[in-house]
Amino acid sequence: LYWSAKENKLVSLKEYADAMPEAQKYIYYASAESRDRAAKLPQIETLREKGFDVLLCPQDVDEFCFMSMSEYNEKQFKNVAGGDLGLETEDEKSAAEAITKENEGLFAEMQKALDGKVKRVAVSARLTDTPSCVTAEGPITLEMEKILAQGPDGEHVKSDRVLELNAEHPVFKAVQKAFEDGDTEKVHLYATILYDQALITEGLPIDDPVAYTQAVYKFMA
């Protein structure tokens, strides 16, 4: 049994699958150290808006179980903090590609500011109210990274992180303006703050809390 974010109770995979809207292609789950944190992850904003349920997984073993099972009743499991969630229509994909192309220079500058911490910066299809989030591509998920970090070689285990940006959020417009104005320092400041805030939301440690605090102070001054 898994906790349903939509029903606010424990449900079986059969109950989840039977209640899936026709438009929903996958079984979605969110992993965190508690149900409450999993329910508040920004990556589930669009899913909830579409009426799709998310299974909240606070146990370390949950994610490994889903990865081992791969699918249930021909429905593939999808980690909300993983790769493509299959949420976009063809028109939405085209619009996202256009935004990405228009902002190639900005994204390259933000990636440069993060100095190897992310594989890429991209437009997000999973955010509605939050300006940014961190997701992972490849076999190592963000939650798995946290678990494996507790082992003897944990510091060497890293996920391929992606900084995703909400192109409709006012913060994104502010970053665009800074880039258009040629204010590279401000673009770098935005990039580091958005990345660190996304890590904090995920329950992941940030590299330099003092530098993050000083960056926030600059915007408050």
C-alpha atoms as a PDB file:
ATOM      1  CA  LEU A   1       0.000   0.000   0.000  1.00  0.00           C
ATOM      2  CA  TYR A   2       1.161   3.525  -0.801  1.00  0.00           C
ATOM      3  CA  TRP A   3      -0.053   6.918   0.360  1.00  0.00           C
ATOM      4  CA  SER A   4      -2.174   8.724  -2.223  1.00  0.00           C
ATOM      5  CA  ALA A   5      -1.651  12.490  -2.382  1.00  0.00           C
ATOM      6  CA  LYS A   6      -5.049  12.888  -4.014  1.00  0.00           C
ATOM      7  CA  GLU A   7      -7.086  10.583  -1.761  1.00  0.00           C
ATOM      8  CA  ASN A   8      -5.029  11.314   1.376  1.00  0.00           C
ATOM      9  CA  LYS A   9      -5.033   7.650   2.375  1.00  0.00           C
ATOM     10  CA  LEU A  10      -3.261   4.361   1.682  1.00  0.00           C
ATOM     11  CA  VAL A  11      -4.183   2.746  -1.625  1.00  0.00           C
ATOM     12  CA  SER A  12      -3.097  -0.337  -3.533  1.00  0.00           C
ATOM     13  CA  LEU A  13      -1.546  -0.113  -6.975  1.00  0.00           C
ATOM     14  CA  LYS A  14      -4.755  -1.573  -8.395  1.00  0.00           C
ATOM     15  CA  GLU A  15      -6.848   1.147  -6.728  1.00  0.00           C
ATOM     16  CA  TYR A  16      -4.475   3.797  -8.062  1.00  0.00           C
ATOM     17  CA  ALA A  17      -4.519   2.383 -11.597  1.00  0.00           C
ATOM     18  CA  ASP A  18      -8.313   1.968 -11.628  1.00  0.00           C
ATOM     19  CA  ALA A  19      -8.761   5.630 -10.629  1.00  0.00           C
ATOM     20  CA  MET A  20      -6.351   7.025 -13.240  1.00  0.00           C
ATOM     21  CA  PRO A  21      -7.909   9.568 -15.646  1.00  0.00           C
ATOM     22  CA  GLU A  22      -7.946   8.466 -19.263  1.00  0.00           C
ATOM     23  CA  ALA A  23      -5.330  11.085 -20.166  1.00  0.00           C
ATOM     24  CA  GLN A  24      -2.862   9.767 -17.576  1.00  0.00           C
ATOM     25  CA  LYS A  25      -0.261   7.426 -19.070  1.00  0.00           C
ATOM     26  CA  TYR A  26       1.991   6.685 -16.091  1.00  0.00           C
ATOM     27  CA  ILE A  27       1.956   5.921 -12.373  1.00  0.00           C
ATOM     28  CA  TYR A  28       3.665   8.838 -10.641  1.00  0.00           C
ATOM     29  CA  TYR A  29       5.493   8.716  -7.326  1.00  0.00           C
ATOM     30  CA  ALA A  30       7.449  11.172  -5.189  1.00  0.00           C
ATOM     31  CA  SER A  31      10.208  10.147  -2.768  1.00  0.00           C
ATOM     32  CA  ALA A  32      11.256  12.102   0.325  1.00  0.00           C
ATOM     33  CA  GLU A  33      12.042  11.517   3.996  1.00  0.00           C
ATOM     34  CA  SER A  34       8.395  12.130   4.931  1.00  0.00           C
ATOM     35  CA  ARG A  35       4.970  12.164   3.274  1.00  0.00           C
ATOM     36  CA  ASP A  36       4.576  15.832   4.108  1.00  0.00           C
ATOM     37  CA  ARG A  37       7.796  16.813   2.313  1.00  0.00           C
ATOM     38  CA  ALA A  38       6.965  14.608  -0.675  1.00  0.00           C
ATOM     39  CA  ALA A  39       3.533  16.242  -0.961  1.00  0.00           C
ATOM     40  CA  LYS A  40       5.133  19.694  -1.071  1.00  0.00           C
ATOM     41  CA  LEU A  41       7.708  18.971  -3.792  1.00  0.00           C
ATOM     42  CA  PRO A  42       7.340  21.536  -6.603  1.00  0.00           C
ATOM     43  CA  GLN A  43       7.706  18.776  -9.209  1.00  0.00           C
ATOM     44  CA  ILE A  44       4.132  17.601  -8.542  1.00  0.00           C
ATOM     45  CA  GLU A  45       2.478  20.989  -9.142  1.00  0.00           C
ATOM     46  CA  THR A  46       1.468  20.355 -12.745  1.00  0.00           C
ATOM     47  CA  LEU A  47       0.455  16.760 -12.009  1.00  0.00           C
ATOM     48  CA  ARG A  48      -1.990  17.901  -9.360  1.00  0.00           C
ATOM     49  CA  GLU A  49      -3.272  20.647 -11.629  1.00  0.00           C
ATOM     50  CA  LYS A  50      -4.067  18.003 -14.247  1.00  0.00           C
ATOM     51  CA  GLY A  51      -5.871  15.870 -11.672  1.00  0.00           C
ATOM     52  CA  PHE A  52      -3.210  13.131 -11.644  1.00  0.00           C
ATOM     53  CA  ASP A  53      -2.520  11.345  -8.367  1.00  0.00           C
ATOM     54  CA  VAL A  54       0.973  10.925  -6.917  1.00  0.00           C
ATOM     55  CA  LEU A  55       2.083   8.131  -4.595  1.00  0.00           C
ATOM     56  CA  LEU A  56       4.078   9.565  -1.674  1.00  0.00           C
ATOM     57  CA  CYS A  57       7.043   7.388  -0.689  1.00  0.00           C
ATOM     58  CA  PRO A  58       8.841   8.137   2.596  1.00  0.00           C
ATOM     59  CA  GLN A  59      10.649   4.773   2.862  1.00  0.00           C
ATOM     60  CA  ASP A  60      14.082   4.248   1.297  1.00  0.00           C
ATOM     61  CA  VAL A  61      13.001   0.905  -0.129  1.00  0.00           C
ATOM     62  CA  ASP A  62       9.997   2.353  -2.000  1.00  0.00           C
ATOM     63  CA  GLU A  63      11.977   3.884  -4.829  1.00  0.00           C
ATOM     64  CA  PHE A  64      14.077   0.749  -5.290  1.00  0.00           C
ATOM     65  CA  CYS A  65      10.871  -1.315  -5.433  1.00  0.00           C
ATOM     66  CA  PHE A  66       9.365   0.857  -8.166  1.00  0.00           C
ATOM     67  CA  MET A  67      12.594   0.762 -10.149  1.00  0.00           C
ATOM     68  CA  SER A  68      12.707  -3.031  -9.840  1.00  0.00           C
ATOM     69  CA  MET A  69       9.077  -3.504 -10.829  1.00  0.00           C
ATOM     70  CA  SER A  70       9.358  -0.983 -13.686  1.00  0.00           C
ATOM     71  CA  GLU A  71       5.599  -1.075 -14.364  1.00  0.00           C
ATOM     72  CA  TYR A  72       2.242  -2.246 -13.070  1.00  0.00           C
ATOM     73  CA  ASN A  73      -0.601  -3.388 -15.301  1.00  0.00           C
ATOM     74  CA  GLU A  74       1.302  -2.046 -18.336  1.00  0.00           C
ATOM     75  CA  LYS A  75       1.603   1.375 -16.697  1.00  0.00           C
ATOM     76  CA  GLN A  76       5.208   2.547 -16.271  1.00  0.00           C
ATOM     77  CA  PHE A  77       6.317   4.071 -12.959  1.00  0.00           C
ATOM     78  CA  LYS A  78       7.580   7.650 -13.194  1.00  0.00           C
ATOM     79  CA  ASN A  79       9.567   9.480 -10.536  1.00  0.00           C
ATOM     80  CA  VAL A  80       8.310  13.089 -10.387  1.00  0.00           C
ATOM     81  CA  ALA A  81      11.927  14.270 -10.008  1.00  0.00           C
ATOM     82  CA  GLY A  82      13.139  12.155 -12.914  1.00  0.00           C
ATOM     83  CA  GLY A  83      13.216  12.776 -16.653  1.00  0.00           C
ATOM     84  CA  ASP A  84      10.317  13.395 -19.027  1.00  0.00           C
ATOM     85  CA  LEU A  85       6.981  12.901 -17.231  1.00  0.00           C
ATOM     86  CA  GLY A  86       4.974  12.764 -20.458  1.00  0.00           C
ATOM     87  CA  LEU A  87       2.871  15.789 -19.493  1.00  0.00           C
ATOM     88  CA  GLU A  88       3.286  17.980 -22.556  1.00  0.00           C
ATOM     89  CA  THR A  89       1.090  18.047 -25.632  1.00  0.00           C
ATOM     90  CA  GLU A  90       2.771  18.431 -29.017  1.00  0.00           C
ATOM     91  CA  ASP A  91       1.910  22.147 -29.000  1.00  0.00           C
ATOM     92  CA  GLU A  92       3.398  22.549 -25.521  1.00  0.00           C
ATOM     93  CA  LYS A  93       6.544  20.695 -26.584  1.00  0.00           C
ATOM     94  CA  SER A  94       6.915  23.009 -29.576  1.00  0.00           C
ATOM     95  CA  ALA A  95       6.434  26.062 -27.351  1.00  0.00           C
ATOM     96  CA  ALA A  96       9.048  24.778 -24.861  1.00  0.00           C
ATOM     97  CA  GLU A  97      11.516  24.122 -27.683  1.00  0.00           C
ATOM     98  CA  ALA A  98      10.966  27.659 -28.961  1.00  0.00           C
ATOM     99  CA  ILE A  99      11.563  29.158 -25.503  1.00  0.00           C
ATOM    100  CA  THR A 100      14.680  27.035 -25.086  1.00  0.00           C
ATOM    101  CA  LYS A 101      16.063  28.193 -28.437  1.00  0.00           C
ATOM    102  CA  GLU A 102      15.304  31.840 -27.645  1.00  0.00           C
ATOM    103  CA  ASN A 103      17.153  31.555 -24.324  1.00  0.00           C
ATOM    104  CA  GLU A 104      20.145  29.407 -25.336  1.00  0.00           C
ATOM    105  CA  GLY A 105      22.578  32.153 -24.366  1.00  0.00           C
ATOM    106  CA  LEU A 106      20.914  32.706 -20.990  1.00  0.00           C
ATOM    107  CA  PHE A 107      20.859  28.997 -20.144  1.00  0.00           C
ATOM    108  CA  ALA A 108      24.514  28.626 -21.167  1.00  0.00           C
ATOM    109  CA  GLU A 109      25.456  31.542 -18.896  1.00  0.00           C
ATOM    110  CA  MET A 110      23.508  30.074 -15.963  1.00  0.00           C
ATOM    111  CA  GLN A 111      25.141  26.680 -16.498  1.00  0.00           C
ATOM    112  CA  LYS A 112      28.524  28.405 -16.565  1.00  0.00           C
ATOM    113  CA  ALA A 113      27.717  30.091 -13.246  1.00  0.00           C
ATOM    114  CA  LEU A 114      26.912  26.716 -11.678  1.00  0.00           C
ATOM    115  CA  ASP A 115      30.325  25.429 -12.726  1.00  0.00           C
ATOM    116  CA  GLY A 116      29.645  21.757 -13.412  1.00  0.00           C
ATOM    117  CA  LYS A 117      26.935  21.294 -10.773  1.00  0.00           C
ATOM    118  CA  VAL A 118      24.234  20.675 -13.383  1.00  0.00           C
ATOM    119  CA  LYS A 119      24.237  18.793 -16.659  1.00  0.00           C
ATOM    120  CA  ARG A 120      22.058  21.470 -18.228  1.00  0.00           C
ATOM    121  CA  VAL A 121      19.531  24.250 -17.597  1.00  0.00           C
ATOM    122  CA  ALA A 122      16.125  23.712 -19.180  1.00  0.00           C
ATOM    123  CA  VAL A 123      12.526  24.914 -19.393  1.00  0.00           C
ATOM    124  CA  SER A 124      10.305  22.932 -17.008  1.00  0.00           C
ATOM    125  CA  ALA A 125       7.016  21.220 -17.849  1.00  0.00           C
ATOM    126  CA  ARG A 126       6.291  20.276 -14.227  1.00  0.00           C
ATOM    127  CA  LEU A 127       6.157  23.671 -12.453  1.00  0.00           C
ATOM    128  CA  THR A 128       3.255  26.088 -12.073  1.00  0.00           C
ATOM    129  CA  ASP A 129       3.873  28.198  -8.926  1.00  0.00           C
ATOM    130  CA  THR A 130       7.579  27.642  -8.220  1.00  0.00           C
ATOM    131  CA  PRO A 131      10.359  29.357 -10.219  1.00  0.00           C
ATOM    132  CA  SER A 132      12.788  26.416 -10.275  1.00  0.00           C
ATOM    133  CA  CYS A 133      13.434  22.821  -9.311  1.00  0.00           C
ATOM    134  CA  VAL A 134      16.202  20.269  -9.603  1.00  0.00           C
ATOM    135  CA  THR A 135      15.622  16.966 -11.371  1.00  0.00           C
ATOM    136  CA  ALA A 136      17.886  14.067 -12.274  1.00  0.00           C
ATOM    137  CA  GLU A 137      18.589  12.271 -15.530  1.00  0.00           C
ATOM    138  CA  GLY A 138      19.992   8.772 -15.700  1.00  0.00           C
ATOM    139  CA  PRO A 139      19.924   5.817 -13.284  1.00  0.00           C
ATOM    140  CA  ILE A 140      20.755   7.710 -10.065  1.00  0.00           C
ATOM    141  CA  THR A 141      17.834   9.731  -8.722  1.00  0.00           C
ATOM    142  CA  LEU A 142      18.039  12.594  -6.244  1.00  0.00           C
ATOM    143  CA  GLU A 143      16.608  10.493  -3.420  1.00  0.00           C
ATOM    144  CA  MET A 144      18.924   7.603  -4.263  1.00  0.00           C
ATOM    145  CA  GLU A 145      21.871   9.999  -4.133  1.00  0.00           C
ATOM    146  CA  LYS A 146      20.882  10.978  -0.592  1.00  0.00           C
ATOM    147  CA  ILE A 147      20.658   7.323   0.466  1.00  0.00           C
ATOM    148  CA  LEU A 148      23.910   6.213  -1.169  1.00  0.00           C
ATOM    149  CA  ALA A 149      25.732   9.257   0.236  1.00  0.00           C
ATOM    150  CA  GLN A 150      25.577   7.552   3.630  1.00  0.00           C
ATOM    151  CA  GLY A 151      27.855   4.757   2.385  1.00  0.00           C
ATOM    152  CA  PRO A 152      31.671   4.656   2.482  1.00  0.00           C
ATOM    153  CA  ASP A 153      32.033   5.947  -1.096  1.00  0.00           C
ATOM    154  CA  GLY A 154      28.968   8.159  -0.925  1.00  0.00           C
ATOM    155  CA  GLU A 155      30.717  11.400  -1.847  1.00  0.00           C
ATOM    156  CA  HIS A 156      31.499   9.957  -5.286  1.00  0.00           C
ATOM    157  CA  VAL A 157      27.871   9.039  -6.049  1.00  0.00           C
ATOM    158  CA  LYS A 158      26.217  11.911  -7.911  1.00  0.00           C
ATOM    159  CA  SER A 159      23.103  12.169 -10.026  1.00  0.00           C
ATOM    160  CA  ASP A 160      23.092  14.013 -13.348  1.00  0.00           C
ATOM    161  CA  ARG A 161      21.266  17.112 -12.149  1.00  0.00           C
ATOM    162  CA  VAL A 162      19.185  19.435 -14.290  1.00  0.00           C
ATOM    163  CA  LEU A 163      18.088  22.899 -13.183  1.00  0.00           C
ATOM    164  CA  GLU A 164      14.557  23.365 -14.514  1.00  0.00           C
ATOM    165  CA  LEU A 165      13.043  26.849 -14.774  1.00  0.00           C
ATOM    166  CA  ASN A 166       9.410  27.917 -14.882  1.00  0.00           C
ATOM    167  CA  ALA A 167       9.279  30.142 -17.976  1.00  0.00           C
ATOM    168  CA  GLU A 168       5.963  31.669 -16.835  1.00  0.00           C
ATOM    169  CA  HIS A 169       7.250  32.793 -13.441  1.00  0.00           C
ATOM    170  CA  PRO A 170       8.146  36.479 -12.787  1.00  0.00           C
ATOM    171  CA  VAL A 171      11.582  35.400 -11.559  1.00  0.00           C
ATOM    172  CA  PHE A 172      12.366  33.931 -14.986  1.00  0.00           C
ATOM    173  CA  LYS A 173      11.405  37.252 -16.577  1.00  0.00           C
ATOM    174  CA  ALA A 174      13.783  39.015 -14.176  1.00  0.00           C
ATOM    175  CA  VAL A 175      16.639  36.681 -15.125  1.00  0.00           C
ATOM    176  CA  GLN A 176      15.887  37.285 -18.816  1.00  0.00           C
ATOM    177  CA  LYS A 177      16.016  41.045 -18.307  1.00  0.00           C
ATOM    178  CA  ALA A 178      19.340  40.841 -16.462  1.00  0.00           C
ATOM    179  CA  PHE A 179      20.785  38.825 -19.353  1.00  0.00           C
ATOM    180  CA  GLU A 180      19.394  41.229 -21.962  1.00  0.00           C
ATOM    181  CA  ASP A 181      20.881  44.156 -20.004  1.00  0.00           C
ATOM    182  CA  GLY A 182      24.272  42.460 -20.050  1.00  0.00           C
ATOM    183  CA  ASP A 183      24.338  42.164 -16.256  1.00  0.00           C
ATOM    184  CA  THR A 184      26.299  38.895 -16.070  1.00  0.00           C
ATOM    185  CA  GLU A 185      26.909  39.226 -12.335  1.00  0.00           C
ATOM    186  CA  LYS A 186      23.171  39.356 -11.639  1.00  0.00           C
ATOM    187  CA  VAL A 187      22.520  36.375 -13.942  1.00  0.00           C
ATOM    188  CA  HIS A 188      25.113  34.360 -12.023  1.00  0.00           C
ATOM    189  CA  LEU A 189      23.571  35.474  -8.739  1.00  0.00           C
ATOM    190  CA  TYR A 190      20.103  34.360  -9.883  1.00  0.00           C
ATOM    191  CA  ALA A 191      21.474  31.022 -11.097  1.00  0.00           C
ATOM    192  CA  THR A 192      23.153  30.163  -7.792  1.00  0.00           C
ATOM    193  CA  ILE A 193      20.183  31.266  -5.680  1.00  0.00           C
ATOM    194  CA  LEU A 194      17.638  29.354  -7.782  1.00  0.00           C
ATOM    195  CA  TYR A 195      19.813  26.252  -7.727  1.00  0.00           C
ATOM    196  CA  ASP A 196      20.453  26.363  -3.980  1.00  0.00           C
ATOM    197  CA  GLN A 197      16.775  27.012  -3.236  1.00  0.00           C
ATOM    198  CA  ALA A 198      15.841  24.010  -5.379  1.00  0.00           C
ATOM    199  CA  LEU A 199      18.315  21.847  -3.440  1.00  0.00           C
ATOM    200  CA  ILE A 200      16.910  23.025  -0.101  1.00  0.00           C
ATOM    201  CA  THR A 201      13.411  22.134  -1.269  1.00  0.00           C
ATOM    202  CA  GLU A 202      14.645  18.652  -2.199  1.00  0.00           C
ATOM    203  CA  GLY A 203      16.270  18.199   1.196  1.00  0.00           C
ATOM    204  CA  LEU A 204      19.733  18.131  -0.372  1.00  0.00           C
ATOM    205  CA  PRO A 205      22.705  19.987   1.152  1.00  0.00           C
ATOM    206  CA  ILE A 206      23.996  23.150  -0.481  1.00  0.00           C
ATOM    207  CA  ASP A 207      27.737  23.519  -0.996  1.00  0.00           C
ATOM    208  CA  ASP A 208      28.201  26.889   0.698  1.00  0.00           C
ATOM    209  CA  PRO A 209      25.418  28.136   3.021  1.00  0.00           C
ATOM    210  CA  VAL A 210      27.337  31.345   3.755  1.00  0.00           C
ATOM    211  CA  ALA A 211      27.665  32.205   0.056  1.00  0.00           C
ATOM    212  CA  TYR A 212      23.962  31.462  -0.447  1.00  0.00           C
ATOM    213  CA  THR A 213      23.011  33.719   2.458  1.00  0.00           C
ATOM    214  CA  GLN A 214      25.212  36.528   1.159  1.00  0.00           C
ATOM    215  CA  ALA A 215      23.639  36.183  -2.315  1.00  0.00           C
ATOM    216  CA  VAL A 216      20.144  36.526  -0.840  1.00  0.00           C
ATOM    217  CA  TYR A 217      21.277  39.560   1.173  1.00  0.00           C
ATOM    218  CA  LYS A 218      22.373  41.277  -2.043  1.00  0.00           C
ATOM    219  CA  PHE A 219      18.807  41.102  -3.365  1.00  0.00           C
ATOM    220  CA  MET A 220      17.386  42.305  -0.051  1.00  0.00           C
ATOM    221  CA  ALA A 221      19.649  45.351   0.159  1.00  0.00           C
END
